[in-house]
Every structure is written in C-alpha cells, then in structure tokens.
C-alpha cells in the first residue's frame, strides 16, 4: 500500500506484489533453520521498524530499533566482556564522558554482518534525530598500513564498514557538543575543540583514502572488467559513501559555531555532494533499477543511509541559489531511506528556501548569475557573496518534520488510502494529499544572544540560548 499508489495499473501492482512476496520468501528461507533465538527476533524488529517508518511513526519505529539493540547487546555479550577501553582516555576528560557508557571495541573483533547492519541503522537514526546519542557500542577503526593491498572487490565494502563506525563515533561527540553550540566560546570546554579536531581528522583521512586510492581502483577495474554492472555499482556506492562523509565533516565542523553564515565556508564540499548525487541518480536511471522520476508517485525504500541526508543538508544550509536548487531537484527523486522521505525533505527545504529568499531581493541577484563567464565568476565569489544574498538575520537555523506528537496534523498516504477503501465505492471525493507538520526556527539576533551569555546566569536559570525570546519558532503544514 505504501509503495504502490492506487492509480497504478493492475499489472504494475501485481509486479510490485510479486517482488515483495519474493523478498519475504527469501527471509523465510533464511530463517527456516532458526525457528527461535535472537536472529529471527532481530529480523522481526527491523521489519516492524520499517513498517512504522513507512507509516510515518518514527518514535514507534525507534522503540522497535532500541529493543533490537538490547537483544543484540546480549547476543554480543562475550565480545563486550572481552573489549577494553582506549588507554588514551583518562578519567574525567570530555572524550571519556562521550564514550563512557560503552567501551570501544576494535572493528575487526566486534562486527559480524548483523552487527554491521544494526550499526548502520544506528547511524541512520542519529542522522535523522539531530542530537540523539548513538545506542550501540563505539568501534575503533584502525588505519591500514598498506591500503593498496586490499583486493578492489572488497575495498568499497570494507571502507563502508569503517565509515559507519567513524560516523557513529563522530555523532557520539556531536550529540554532546551540540549543547555548547550557542554558548560563548569562552565557556566551551577546551577538550571539545581537541575532540572535534580528532573526529574531523579521522573522517578526512578516510575520505582521502577513498578519493585517491579506492575510487580510482574501482573505476579502473570497471573499465577492464567484463562485469561492468557490478563494478559500476561499487563505484556508485563509493560515491554515496563519499557524500555521507562530506556531510558529516561539514556537520562536525560547524557543531560549535553559532552563526549560520559559518556554513558558507564549506561551499566546495556542498558542491561535491551535489555533483556526486547527480552521478548516483544518473547511474540509477541508466540501469533502469533506481529511484523513479519526481513525477511518479511510487518510490524506492531502503533502511540504510544514502543520498538524502547530504542533499537535505546542502539544500538547507548552502544558500547559493543555483546549487541549492540542484540539490532540491535531486531530493525529489531520492525515494525513502529509513525515516528520511525524499519528497517530504524536499518540500521542507523548498519552503525554507522560500522563507529565506522572500525577505531578500534574491530574484534580482539570480538574474545576474545567469550564463556566461560572469556567472562562473560569481559562482566562486565566496562567503561574502552568500552573506549578501541571505544574511544571518533571515537564515533558518532549524527545519524538520514534526514528531509523533503532531500525529493529528498528519494525513499520511495510508490514511487517505484507508478512507478510499471505506467510502470509495460510494463515489465520495477524497482529497489525495500527503501533508506533514514541519517545524522551523530562526535566531532573532545571534550577537545579542551571545552577549547575554557572557553575563552568566543566576542559579537555576536556563542558558540565554534556551530563552524563547531569542528565537522565532513556528510549525507549518507542508504538502508534498
């Protein structure tokens, strides 16, 4: 019901039903010799979580996922007991507090395929729920002494495992550091800046190895190999991993910066995300097995992170008009990835763009960045130009779908489908809309808020950045 609209023909509906039926049958065969135990229950938790994500009930889906994590921890209890803390972590330091609830476990020792999959879902969860702590044990990633010795057929897979572990550790840091984002820098613990540098350095080291060693080797093998489809798929997967890494570097780099204009520094990274995503979407279309066009109601679904989060971050935070609209167009075509709904995120980003630009004379600016060499020169004009197009005072700082508490304001695909099934036979007209509440926030005056923070606060008072008078916050119902 979720992936096939009622407007599709009978043959198309039967094809989708056959595909999903075959997939479920494969799961049944996998579990045939495991009638009980943790693995079938883990599979059930994932399926239940996916169902609730498709029905747009993320909090219930999170409950299923956390239940699975508890079960997985018991399954991996022997590995957990064998794990050791990093000797570099001294008691009381910030990094020790960041990972104190679980000892770090070497990636090679702790991760079988099931653990890798759930670690991926853990990262997907913290990407979507900004500020949420990772639930699983943090894995240590060791930099290989000779990266070129790994066979190209397994390099991308291994790199993906490493990136997920690095992202999990990075969000362990950002979930803690986010509480200092709008505090005066003098009150931010010095250890946080050290840890920020360490996390960014680890991600950049991984990115460098992917860009200069792994991707060229995969691209070369795709040209020489008769199995072009497989090699092309590996290269595309590598581009997706690259986009995820870039978005995490940008996010971790700005987690302690209160100004929205600080995002403008990462223009080159944002542009690389868009170009990479365009290659991925183009590859899907050429292979004929990817996400349908934005004009199609059907969509693809995967529980794992992919291209949506980096594109959404780009459309929301990179205020260059042409590039953010390229990201927006790709978002409309990106399907669903776990709780990330490409069409919903595109609609939310589109509304944020309209709010920001409606308060400025951006239409006049856009006419001046038309074709020719003048357009190329202005495209690379840098941070000052972006600050002129969308100044700090009008920039949206927070934008995202409402949670389950807003369920009364949601008209999901299933809800109008159910209504159609109940009264459609009687010829009643149903408003076939997909809508969701989206929350927006904007700081009225960052400088004023930071200045008040310098004065300190009385005992029991909240920090100035938590004072609602510094913020504009509102909810709108977005159709997508």
Protein backbone atom coordinates (compact mmCIF):
# COMPACT_ATOMS: atom_id res chain seq x y z
CA UNK A 1 0.00 0.00 0.00
CA UNK A 2 2.79 2.43 0.85
CA UNK A 3 4.99 1.90 -2.19
CA UNK A 4 2.32 1.41 -4.86
CA UNK A 5 -0.26 4.16 -5.40
CA UNK A 6 -3.81 3.15 -6.21
CA UNK A 7 -3.56 4.95 -9.54
CA UNK A 8 -1.14 2.40 -10.97
CA UNK A 9 -2.39 -0.30 -13.28
CA UNK A 10 -3.21 -3.82 -12.19
CA UNK A 11 -0.17 -5.35 -13.91
CA UNK A 12 2.19 -2.89 -12.21
CA UNK A 13 0.60 -3.58 -8.82
CA UNK A 14 0.96 -7.34 -9.36
CA UNK A 15 4.63 -6.88 -10.29
CA UNK A 16 5.35 -4.98 -7.07
CA UNK A 17 3.41 -7.57 -5.04
CA UNK A 18 5.46 -10.34 -6.67
CA UNK A 19 8.72 -8.58 -5.86
CA UNK A 20 7.83 -8.02 -2.22
CA UNK A 21 6.46 -11.54 -1.93
CA UNK A 22 9.73 -12.94 -3.26
CA UNK A 23 11.68 -10.81 -0.79
CA UNK A 24 9.62 -12.06 2.15
CA UNK A 25 10.04 -15.62 0.92
CA UNK A 26 13.81 -15.13 0.92
CA UNK A 27 13.63 -14.01 4.55
CA UNK A 28 11.56 -17.08 5.41
CA UNK A 29 14.13 -19.38 3.79
CA UNK A 30 16.96 -17.63 5.65
CA UNK A 31 15.20 -18.22 8.96
CA UNK A 32 13.94 -21.73 8.17
CA UNK A 33 16.63 -23.39 10.25
CA UNK A 34 16.42 -20.77 13.01
CA UNK A 35 12.89 -21.15 14.39
CA UNK A 36 13.81 -19.30 17.59
CA UNK A 37 16.64 -17.27 19.06
CA UNK A 38 17.91 -13.71 18.60
CA UNK A 39 18.26 -13.63 14.79
CA UNK A 40 14.54 -14.11 13.92
CA UNK A 41 13.59 -11.57 16.58
CA UNK A 42 16.14 -9.08 15.20
CA UNK A 43 14.64 -9.55 11.73
CA UNK A 44 11.15 -9.03 13.16
CA UNK A 45 12.28 -5.83 14.91
CA UNK A 46 13.70 -4.46 11.65
CA UNK A 47 10.54 -5.29 9.69
CA UNK A 48 8.33 -3.69 12.36
CA UNK A 49 10.54 -0.61 12.45
CA UNK A 50 10.39 -0.30 8.65
CA UNK A 51 6.59 -0.57 8.71
CA UNK A 52 6.29 2.22 11.28
CA UNK A 53 8.77 4.39 9.35
CA UNK A 54 6.65 3.97 6.21
CA UNK A 55 3.56 4.92 8.24
CA UNK A 56 5.47 7.97 9.50
CA UNK A 57 5.56 6.89 13.13
CA UNK A 58 9.28 7.40 13.84
CA UNK A 59 9.04 7.21 17.63
CA UNK A 60 7.41 3.76 17.50
CA UNK A 61 10.00 2.67 14.92
CA UNK A 62 12.74 3.88 17.28
CA UNK A 63 11.22 1.77 20.06
CA UNK A 64 11.48 -1.36 17.90
CA UNK A 65 15.06 -0.49 16.98
CA UNK A 66 16.13 0.08 20.58
CA UNK A 67 14.57 -3.23 21.56
CA UNK A 68 16.66 -4.89 18.87
CA UNK A 69 19.80 -3.17 20.17
CA UNK A 70 19.20 -4.56 23.65
CA UNK A 71 18.87 -8.04 22.18
CA UNK A 72 21.96 -7.55 20.05
CA UNK A 73 23.96 -6.50 23.10
CA UNK A 74 23.06 -9.78 24.79
CA UNK A 75 23.98 -11.68 21.65
CA UNK A 76 27.38 -9.95 21.58
CA UNK A 77 27.90 -10.15 25.33
CA UNK A 78 31.03 -12.25 25.04
CA UNK A 79 32.62 -9.68 22.74
CA UNK A 80 31.53 -6.91 25.05
CA UNK A 81 33.17 -8.57 28.04
CA UNK A 82 36.34 -9.03 26.04
CA UNK A 83 36.50 -5.37 24.99
CA UNK A 84 38.90 -2.89 26.54
CA UNK A 85 38.82 0.87 27.00
CA UNK A 86 41.13 3.04 24.94
CA UNK A 87 44.21 3.72 27.11
CA UNK A 88 44.30 7.30 25.73
CA UNK A 89 41.10 8.12 27.65
CA UNK A 90 41.93 9.48 31.07
CA UNK A 91 39.23 9.67 33.76
CA UNK A 92 37.22 12.86 33.75
CA UNK A 93 38.17 14.11 30.29
CA UNK A 94 35.46 15.07 27.81
CA UNK A 95 36.21 12.21 25.46
CA UNK A 96 35.94 9.75 28.33
CA UNK A 97 32.47 11.09 29.11
CA UNK A 98 31.49 10.80 25.47
CA UNK A 99 32.12 7.06 25.28
CA UNK A 100 31.91 6.11 28.96
CA UNK A 101 28.68 4.13 28.63
CA UNK A 102 30.32 1.59 26.31
CA UNK A 103 33.93 0.56 25.94
CA UNK A 104 35.45 0.98 22.49
CA UNK A 105 35.64 -2.29 20.56
CA UNK A 106 38.01 -2.90 17.65
CA UNK A 107 36.00 -3.13 14.44
CA UNK A 108 37.57 -6.41 13.33
CA UNK A 109 36.74 -8.19 16.59
CA UNK A 110 33.24 -6.91 17.28
CA UNK A 111 31.40 -6.66 13.97
CA UNK A 112 29.80 -9.57 12.18
CA UNK A 113 27.34 -8.85 9.36
CA UNK A 114 24.33 -8.46 11.67
CA UNK A 115 26.21 -6.04 13.94
CA UNK A 116 27.37 -4.06 10.90
CA UNK A 117 23.78 -3.78 9.70
CA UNK A 118 22.49 -2.56 13.05
CA UNK A 119 25.43 -0.18 13.39
CA UNK A 120 24.32 1.27 10.04
CA UNK A 121 20.76 1.67 11.35
CA UNK A 122 22.14 3.31 14.50
CA UNK A 123 23.91 5.89 12.33
CA UNK A 124 20.74 6.39 10.28
CA UNK A 125 18.83 7.12 13.50
CA UNK A 126 21.26 9.73 14.82
CA UNK A 127 21.46 11.39 11.40
CA UNK A 128 17.69 11.87 11.44
CA UNK A 129 17.20 12.72 15.12
CA UNK A 130 19.64 15.61 15.48
CA UNK A 131 21.41 15.48 18.85
CA UNK A 132 20.46 11.88 19.67
CA UNK A 133 23.24 9.71 21.08
CA UNK A 134 24.29 6.51 19.26
CA UNK A 135 22.88 3.49 21.05
CA UNK A 136 25.46 0.89 20.07
CA UNK A 137 28.98 0.27 21.21
CA UNK A 138 31.53 2.53 19.53
CA UNK A 139 34.00 0.65 17.31
CA UNK A 140 37.62 1.70 16.85
CA UNK A 141 38.80 1.91 13.24
CA UNK A 142 42.46 1.19 12.59
CA UNK A 143 44.06 2.82 9.57
CA UNK A 144 45.53 0.04 7.38
CA UNK A 145 49.30 0.13 6.99
CA UNK A 146 49.06 -0.63 3.27
CA UNK A 147 45.62 0.29 1.88
CA UNK A 148 46.58 -0.77 -1.65
CA UNK A 149 46.98 -4.39 -0.54
CA UNK A 150 43.23 -4.87 -0.16
CA UNK A 151 41.58 -6.50 -3.22
CA UNK A 152 39.46 -3.96 -5.11
CA UNK A 153 36.42 -6.25 -4.99
CA UNK A 154 36.19 -5.87 -1.19
CA UNK A 155 37.68 -2.42 -0.68
CA UNK A 156 34.44 -0.43 -1.01
CA UNK A 157 32.61 -2.81 1.33
CA UNK A 158 35.36 -2.53 3.93
CA UNK A 159 35.50 1.25 3.54
CA UNK A 160 31.75 1.40 4.12
CA UNK A 161 32.07 -0.52 7.39
CA UNK A 162 34.83 1.83 8.53
CA UNK A 163 32.87 4.96 7.62
CA UNK A 164 29.79 3.84 9.54
CA UNK A 165 31.93 3.24 12.64
CA UNK A 166 33.62 6.64 12.22
CA UNK A 167 30.27 8.38 11.80
CA UNK A 168 28.91 6.65 14.89
CA UNK A 169 31.86 7.87 16.96
CA UNK A 170 31.53 11.36 15.42
CA UNK A 171 27.87 11.61 16.43
CA UNK A 172 28.77 10.46 19.91
CA UNK A 173 30.84 13.66 20.00
CA UNK A 174 28.32 15.96 18.27
CA UNK A 175 25.43 14.86 20.49
CA UNK A 176 27.46 16.06 23.48
CA UNK A 177 28.95 19.15 21.80
CA UNK A 178 25.61 20.43 20.47
CA UNK A 179 24.66 21.74 23.92
CA UNK A 180 27.51 24.29 23.59
CA UNK A 181 26.66 25.49 20.07
CA UNK A 182 25.11 28.78 21.19
CA UNK A 183 27.29 29.32 24.25
CA UNK A 184 30.02 32.00 24.20
CA UNK A 185 33.24 30.36 23.11
CA UNK A 186 34.94 31.20 26.39
CA UNK A 187 32.60 28.77 28.18
CA UNK A 188 33.15 25.85 25.77
CA UNK A 189 35.49 23.21 27.31
CA UNK A 190 38.84 23.23 25.54
CA UNK A 191 38.73 19.43 25.31
CA UNK A 192 35.75 19.71 22.97
CA UNK A 193 37.82 21.56 20.36
CA UNK A 194 40.53 18.91 20.63
CA UNK A 195 37.97 16.13 20.20
CA UNK A 196 36.35 17.98 17.32
CA UNK A 197 39.68 18.14 15.53
CA UNK A 198 40.30 14.45 16.17
CA UNK A 199 36.92 13.41 14.75
CA UNK A 200 37.27 15.61 11.67
CA UNK A 201 40.83 14.38 11.07
CA UNK A 202 39.68 10.74 11.18
CA UNK A 203 36.91 11.43 8.64
CA UNK A 204 39.25 13.39 6.36
CA UNK A 205 41.85 10.64 6.47
CA UNK A 206 39.18 8.11 5.46
CA UNK A 207 37.96 10.46 2.70
CA UNK A 208 41.46 10.92 1.32
CA UNK A 209 41.99 7.16 1.10
CA UNK A 210 38.62 6.70 -0.62
CA UNK A 211 39.23 9.52 -3.12
CA UNK A 212 42.82 8.78 -4.10
CA UNK A 213 43.12 5.01 -3.66
CA UNK A 214 39.79 3.19 -3.53
CA UNK A 215 37.61 5.01 -6.07
CA UNK A 216 40.31 5.16 -8.78
CA UNK A 217 40.99 1.43 -8.39
CA UNK A 218 37.28 0.59 -8.62
CA UNK A 219 36.83 2.87 -11.64
CA UNK A 220 39.83 1.28 -13.35
CA UNK A 221 38.54 -2.23 -12.68
CA UNK A 222 35.13 -1.28 -14.12
CA UNK A 223 36.81 -0.28 -17.37
CA UNK A 224 38.83 -3.52 -17.58
CA UNK A 225 36.28 -5.96 -16.18
CA UNK A 226 33.63 -7.78 -18.17
CA UNK A 227 31.35 -7.43 -15.13
CA UNK A 228 30.70 -3.73 -15.80
CA UNK A 229 27.43 -3.61 -13.87
CA UNK A 230 28.98 -4.88 -10.63
CA UNK A 231 31.97 -2.56 -10.87
CA UNK A 232 29.75 0.40 -11.70
CA UNK A 233 27.59 -0.44 -8.69
CA UNK A 234 30.67 -0.48 -6.45
CA UNK A 235 31.82 2.88 -7.80
CA UNK A 236 28.36 4.39 -7.27
CA UNK A 237 28.30 3.02 -3.73
CA UNK A 238 31.69 4.64 -3.16
CA UNK A 239 30.30 7.99 -4.31
CA UNK A 240 27.40 7.61 -1.88
CA UNK A 241 29.85 6.91 0.97
CA UNK A 242 31.84 9.94 -0.07
CA UNK A 243 28.77 12.16 0.16
CA UNK A 244 27.95 10.82 3.63
CA UNK A 245 31.50 11.51 4.78
CA UNK A 246 31.46 15.05 3.38
CA UNK A 247 28.17 15.89 5.09
CA UNK A 248 29.48 14.56 8.40
CA UNK A 249 32.68 16.59 8.09
CA UNK A 250 30.62 19.73 7.47
CA UNK A 251 28.26 18.98 10.36
CA UNK A 252 31.05 18.17 12.83
CA UNK A 253 32.98 21.27 11.74
CA UNK A 254 30.04 23.59 12.44
CA UNK A 255 28.67 21.96 15.60
CA UNK A 256 30.30 24.59 17.84
CA UNK A 257 29.68 27.56 15.50
CA UNK A 258 26.57 29.63 16.35
CA UNK A 259 26.37 31.60 13.09
CA UNK A 260 24.54 30.22 10.06
CA UNK A 261 26.99 32.08 7.81
CA UNK A 262 29.72 29.72 9.10
CA UNK A 263 28.24 27.04 6.80
CA UNK A 264 29.27 29.13 3.76
CA UNK A 265 32.92 28.15 4.25
CA UNK A 266 32.10 24.64 3.01
CA UNK A 267 30.85 25.70 -0.44
CA UNK A 268 33.26 23.34 -2.24
CA UNK A 269 32.16 20.37 -0.15
CA UNK A 270 28.49 21.16 -0.74
CA UNK A 271 29.10 21.35 -4.48
CA UNK A 272 30.89 17.99 -4.43
CA UNK A 273 27.87 16.47 -2.67
CA UNK A 274 25.55 17.72 -5.42
CA UNK A 275 27.82 16.53 -8.24
CA UNK A 276 28.23 13.12 -6.60
CA UNK A 277 24.49 12.74 -6.07
CA UNK A 278 23.82 13.68 -9.70
CA UNK A 279 26.16 10.87 -10.80
CA UNK A 280 24.42 8.40 -8.49
CA UNK A 281 20.91 9.32 -9.68
CA UNK A 282 22.03 9.28 -13.33
CA UNK A 283 23.55 5.85 -12.84
CA UNK A 284 20.29 4.58 -11.32
CA UNK A 285 18.28 5.87 -14.24
CA UNK A 286 20.65 4.39 -16.82
CA UNK A 287 20.50 0.98 -15.16
CA UNK A 288 16.72 1.21 -15.03
CA UNK A 289 16.52 -0.05 -11.46
CA UNK A 290 16.77 3.09 -9.41
CA UNK A 291 14.50 5.71 -7.99
CA UNK A 292 11.68 6.76 -10.31
CA UNK A 293 11.39 10.31 -11.58
CA UNK A 294 9.92 13.04 -9.43
CA UNK A 295 6.66 12.87 -11.39
CA UNK A 296 6.00 9.27 -10.30
CA UNK A 297 4.07 8.55 -7.11
CA UNK A 298 5.83 5.24 -6.45
CA UNK A 299 9.18 5.24 -4.63
CA UNK A 300 12.05 3.01 -3.57
CA UNK A 301 12.84 2.25 0.06
CA UNK A 302 15.95 1.21 1.94
CA UNK A 303 16.52 1.29 5.71
CA UNK A 304 20.16 2.39 5.29
CA UNK A 305 21.53 5.94 4.87
CA UNK A 306 22.18 7.09 1.31
CA UNK A 307 21.92 10.37 -0.59
CA UNK A 308 19.01 12.11 1.18
CA UNK A 309 20.73 13.42 4.32
CA UNK A 310 23.69 15.06 2.48
CA UNK A 311 21.34 16.58 -0.11
CA UNK A 312 18.97 17.90 2.55
CA UNK A 313 21.87 19.48 4.45
CA UNK A 314 23.05 21.07 1.20
CA UNK A 315 19.63 22.44 0.19
CA UNK A 316 19.07 23.83 3.68
CA UNK A 317 22.50 25.23 4.59
CA UNK A 318 24.20 26.11 1.30
CA UNK A 319 22.49 29.35 0.32
CA UNK A 320 23.88 29.67 -3.23
CA UNK A 321 20.62 29.81 -5.27
CA UNK A 322 21.57 27.57 -8.20
CA UNK A 323 23.35 24.85 -6.23
CA UNK A 324 20.67 24.54 -3.56
CA UNK A 325 18.05 24.12 -6.31
CA UNK A 326 20.11 21.38 -7.94
CA UNK A 327 20.15 19.62 -4.57
CA UNK A 328 16.42 20.19 -4.25
CA UNK A 329 15.69 18.60 -7.64
CA UNK A 330 17.69 15.52 -6.64
CA UNK A 331 15.83 15.29 -3.32
CA UNK A 332 12.51 14.98 -5.13
CA UNK A 333 13.90 11.87 -6.90
CA UNK A 334 15.59 10.18 -3.95
CA UNK A 335 12.87 7.83 -2.62
CA UNK A 336 12.89 6.86 1.05
CA UNK A 337 15.84 5.92 3.24
CA UNK A 338 14.72 4.82 6.69
CA UNK A 339 12.88 7.77 8.28
CA UNK A 340 14.15 10.09 5.52
CA UNK A 341 11.37 10.74 3.00
CA UNK A 342 12.93 12.43 -0.03
CA UNK A 343 9.75 14.20 -1.12
CA UNK A 344 8.96 15.43 2.40
CA UNK A 345 12.51 16.69 2.95
CA UNK A 346 12.45 18.36 -0.47
CA UNK A 347 9.16 20.09 0.35
CA UNK A 348 10.50 21.23 3.74
CA UNK A 349 13.73 22.54 2.20
CA UNK A 350 11.80 24.24 -0.57
CA UNK A 351 9.67 26.07 1.99
CA UNK A 352 12.79 27.09 3.96
CA UNK A 353 14.34 28.47 0.78
CA UNK A 354 11.20 30.46 0.01
CA UNK A 355 11.07 31.89 3.55
CA UNK A 356 14.72 32.98 3.41
CA UNK A 357 14.67 34.37 -0.10
CA UNK A 358 11.29 36.08 0.12
CA UNK A 359 12.83 38.54 2.57
CA UNK A 360 15.65 39.48 0.21
CA UNK A 361 15.98 40.71 -3.35
CA UNK A 362 17.26 37.33 -4.44
CA UNK A 363 15.32 37.33 -7.70
CA UNK A 364 17.36 40.31 -8.82
CA UNK A 365 20.53 38.55 -7.74
CA UNK A 366 19.61 35.39 -9.66
CA UNK A 367 19.23 37.33 -12.88
CA UNK A 368 22.83 38.47 -12.51
CA UNK A 369 24.16 34.91 -12.12
CA UNK A 370 22.84 33.78 -15.49
CA UNK A 371 25.05 32.22 -18.15
CA UNK A 372 28.45 33.28 -19.45
CA UNK A 373 31.72 33.92 -17.70
CA UNK A 374 30.08 36.42 -15.33
CA UNK A 375 28.02 33.57 -13.89
CA UNK A 376 31.12 31.43 -13.40
CA UNK A 377 32.96 34.27 -11.64
CA UNK A 378 30.04 34.95 -9.30
CA UNK A 379 29.60 31.26 -8.55
CA UNK A 380 33.05 31.24 -6.95
CA UNK A 381 32.78 34.66 -5.34
CA UNK A 382 32.86 33.06 -1.89
CA UNK A 383 31.49 33.61 1.55
CA UNK A 384 30.88 37.37 1.28
CA UNK A 385 28.53 36.98 -1.66
CA UNK A 386 26.44 34.32 0.08
CA UNK A 387 26.17 36.52 3.17
CA UNK A 388 24.81 39.30 0.96
CA UNK A 389 22.27 37.02 -0.72
CA UNK A 390 20.91 35.59 2.53
CA UNK A 391 22.19 37.49 5.60
CA UNK A 392 22.38 35.94 9.04
CA UNK A 393 19.22 37.64 10.32
CA UNK A 394 16.91 35.87 7.84
CA UNK A 395 18.51 32.42 7.79
CA UNK A 396 16.57 29.40 9.02
CA UNK A 397 18.62 27.57 11.66
CA UNK A 398 16.32 24.60 12.24
CA UNK A 399 13.91 22.84 9.88
CA UNK A 400 12.45 19.35 10.14
CA UNK A 401 9.30 17.24 10.24
CA UNK A 402 7.22 17.16 13.43
CA UNK A 403 7.28 14.05 15.60
CA UNK A 404 4.55 11.63 16.64
CA UNK A 405 3.08 14.23 18.99
CA UNK A 406 1.88 16.02 15.85
CA UNK A 407 0.11 12.94 14.53
CA UNK A 408 -3.24 14.69 14.42
CA UNK A 409 -1.86 17.10 11.84
CA UNK A 410 -0.60 14.35 9.53
CA UNK A 411 -2.59 12.94 6.65
CA UNK A 412 -0.50 10.00 5.53
CA UNK A 413 -0.77 8.04 2.33
CA UNK A 414 -2.19 5.13 4.28
CA UNK A 415 -4.85 7.28 5.91
CA UNK A 416 -6.34 8.54 2.68
CA UNK A 417 -5.96 5.08 1.15
CA UNK A 418 -7.91 3.59 4.05
CA UNK A 419 -10.58 6.24 3.60
CA UNK A 420 -10.75 5.43 -0.10
CA UNK A 421 -11.22 1.76 0.71
CA UNK A 422 -14.06 2.56 3.12
CA UNK A 423 -16.05 5.10 1.12
CA UNK A 424 -14.57 4.98 -2.37
CA UNK A 425 -17.23 2.54 -3.53
CA UNK A 426 -19.85 5.17 -2.80
CA UNK A 427 -18.23 7.65 -5.16
CA UNK A 428 -17.11 10.13 -2.50
CA UNK A 429 -14.36 12.53 -3.49
CA UNK A 430 -11.18 12.11 -1.47
CA UNK A 431 -8.55 14.85 -1.22
CA UNK A 432 -5.48 12.84 -2.17
CA UNK A 433 -2.81 14.87 -0.40
CA UNK A 434 0.29 13.95 1.52
CA UNK A 435 0.92 16.53 4.21
CA UNK A 436 3.06 16.76 7.33
CA UNK A 437 3.82 19.36 10.00
CA UNK A 438 7.28 20.89 9.63
CA UNK A 439 8.94 22.94 12.35
CA UNK A 440 11.07 26.00 11.63
CA UNK A 441 13.29 28.06 13.93
CA UNK A 442 15.39 31.18 13.45
CA UNK A 443 17.52 33.21 15.86
CA UNK A 444 16.46 36.85 16.07
CA UNK A 445 19.94 38.19 16.88
CA UNK A 446 22.86 35.82 17.44
CA UNK A 447 25.21 38.57 18.65
CA UNK A 448 22.74 39.75 21.28
CA UNK A 449 22.14 36.19 22.49
CA UNK A 450 25.87 35.51 22.81
CA UNK A 451 26.41 38.84 24.61
CA UNK A 452 23.79 37.89 27.20
CA UNK A 453 25.56 34.57 27.62
CA UNK A 454 28.75 36.39 28.61
CA UNK A 455 26.97 37.87 31.62
CA UNK A 456 26.41 34.41 33.05
CA UNK A 457 23.18 33.24 34.62
CA UNK A 458 21.77 33.05 38.10
CA UNK A 459 21.44 29.75 39.95
CA UNK A 460 18.64 27.70 38.47
CA UNK A 461 18.23 29.88 35.38
CA UNK A 462 18.43 28.42 31.90
CA UNK A 463 21.17 29.44 29.50
CA UNK A 464 20.28 32.52 27.38
CA UNK A 465 20.18 30.49 24.17
CA UNK A 466 17.28 28.50 25.65
CA UNK A 467 15.25 31.65 26.19
CA UNK A 468 12.40 31.67 23.67
CA UNK A 469 12.53 35.44 23.23
CA UNK A 470 15.73 34.96 21.22
CA UNK A 471 14.01 32.64 18.75
CA UNK A 472 11.27 32.61 16.17
CA UNK A 473 9.73 29.13 16.20
CA UNK A 474 6.69 28.03 14.26
CA UNK A 475 5.09 24.99 12.61
CA UNK A 476 3.63 24.84 9.12
CA UNK A 477 1.72 22.09 7.37
CA UNK A 478 3.65 21.18 4.22
CA UNK A 479 2.16 19.32 1.27
CA UNK A 480 4.43 17.00 -0.69
